[in-house]
Protein backbone atom coordinates (compact mmCIF):
# COMPACT_ATOMS: atom_id res chain seq x y z
CA MET A 1 0.00 0.00 0.00
CA LYS A 2 1.32 3.44 -0.90
CA LYS A 3 2.11 5.96 1.77
CA PHE A 4 -0.03 9.08 1.84
CA SER A 5 0.88 12.66 2.56
CA LEU A 6 -0.82 15.98 2.40
CA PHE A 7 0.14 19.59 2.62
CA GLY A 8 -2.52 21.87 4.03
CA LYS A 9 -3.02 25.50 4.91
CA PHE A 10 -5.16 26.95 7.67
CA THR A 11 -6.04 30.63 7.44
CA ILE A 12 -6.46 32.00 10.95
CA GLN A 13 -8.17 34.99 12.54
CA GLU A 14 -5.91 37.96 13.05
CA GLY A 15 -3.83 37.63 16.20
CA LYS A 16 -4.68 33.95 16.70
CA ARG A 17 -1.86 32.27 14.79
CA GLU A 18 0.17 31.36 17.89
CA THR A 19 -2.90 29.82 19.52
CA MET A 20 -3.46 27.73 16.42
CA VAL A 21 0.19 26.70 16.33
CA ASP A 22 -0.11 25.55 19.96
CA ILE A 23 -3.18 23.46 19.13
CA LEU A 24 -1.50 21.88 16.11
CA LEU A 25 1.63 21.11 18.13
CA GLU A 26 -0.63 19.38 20.67
CA ALA A 27 -2.02 17.37 17.77
CA ALA A 28 1.51 16.44 16.74
CA GLU A 29 2.26 15.33 20.28
CA SER A 30 -0.88 13.20 20.44
CA LEU A 31 0.12 11.50 17.17
CA LYS A 32 3.51 10.35 18.51
CA SER A 33 1.95 7.13 19.80
CA LEU A 34 0.24 6.46 16.47
CA ASP A 35 2.67 4.45 14.32
CA GLU A 36 0.65 5.11 11.15
CA CYS A 37 1.50 8.81 11.38
CA GLU A 38 5.08 9.01 10.18
CA LEU A 39 5.48 12.78 10.05
CA TYR A 40 3.42 15.77 11.20
CA LEU A 41 5.12 19.14 10.76
CA VAL A 42 3.62 22.48 11.74
CA ASN A 43 4.99 25.45 9.78
CA ILE A 44 4.52 29.21 9.58
CA SER A 45 5.61 31.73 6.98
CA ASN A 46 7.15 35.11 7.71
CA ASP A 47 5.30 36.42 4.65
CA ASP A 48 1.83 35.20 5.71
CA PRO A 49 1.00 36.08 9.34
CA HIS A 50 -2.55 34.69 9.10
CA SER A 51 -1.68 31.16 8.01
CA VAL A 52 -0.35 27.93 9.45
CA PHE A 53 0.81 25.10 7.20
CA VAL A 54 0.83 21.40 8.08
CA TYR A 55 2.69 18.66 6.23
CA GLU A 56 1.68 15.10 7.15
CA VAL A 57 2.92 11.66 6.08
CA TRP A 58 0.85 8.56 6.86
CA SER A 59 1.31 4.86 6.24
CA ASN A 60 -1.81 5.10 4.04
CA GLU A 61 -4.83 7.32 3.44
CA GLU A 62 -7.12 5.14 5.54
CA ALA A 63 -4.90 5.68 8.59
CA HIS A 64 -5.20 9.43 8.12
CA GLN A 65 -8.98 9.26 7.83
CA SER A 66 -9.18 7.03 10.90
CA SER A 67 -7.11 9.48 12.95
CA LEU A 68 -9.74 12.16 12.40
CA THR A 69 -12.32 10.11 14.33
CA LYS A 70 -10.21 9.73 17.49
CA GLU A 71 -11.49 11.51 20.59
CA ALA A 72 -8.27 13.48 21.13
CA THR A 73 -8.34 14.67 17.52
CA GLN A 74 -12.00 15.68 17.75
CA THR A 75 -11.29 17.67 20.92
CA LEU A 76 -8.47 19.58 19.21
CA ILE A 77 -10.63 20.20 16.13
CA THR A 78 -13.34 21.66 18.37
CA ARG A 79 -10.80 24.02 19.95
CA ALA A 80 -9.31 25.05 16.60
CA ARG A 81 -12.49 25.52 14.58
CA PRO A 82 -13.37 29.01 15.98
CA LEU A 83 -9.90 30.29 15.00
CA ILE A 84 -10.07 29.12 11.39
CA THR A 85 -11.33 31.40 8.63
CA GLY A 86 -10.32 29.11 5.78
CA MET A 87 -8.73 25.77 4.96
CA GLU A 88 -7.00 24.63 1.82
CA ARG A 89 -5.60 21.24 0.92
CA ILE A 90 -2.68 22.47 -1.14
CA ASN A 91 -1.85 19.02 -2.40
CA THR A 92 -1.94 15.32 -1.65
CA LEU A 93 1.25 13.48 -2.43
CA ILE A 94 2.82 10.03 -2.56
CA PRO A 95 6.07 10.21 -0.57
CA LEU A 96 8.88 8.08 -1.97
CA GLY A 97 11.80 8.77 0.37
CA GLY A 98 14.56 11.15 1.22
CA LYS A 99 16.56 12.42 4.17
CA GLY A 100 14.69 11.74 7.39
CA PHE A 101 12.14 9.55 5.69
CA PRO A 102 12.59 5.82 5.11
CA SER A 103 11.58 4.50 1.71
CA SER A 104 9.50 1.33 1.55
């Protein structure tokens, strides 16, 4: 089964970016015990103060979808939702390998 990754962008209310970053870093922490999540990176841009970007790599797409139903994930989504003014899935990708990422 092919690995699955996605690159997404959250547009956030003015002045709430750091709060959103904290929530997404909590999400990353909660995913550490989930082997199917291989990478979850939270990013910001100096040129876009109202956005937070997330890059995720999963063992497969089904594992990603399943993670969204977990209680911890739902709690974080509930906390984040009021801060979000827009969401964009920039791209879904098939990771093949590289530094820091095992190929298989």
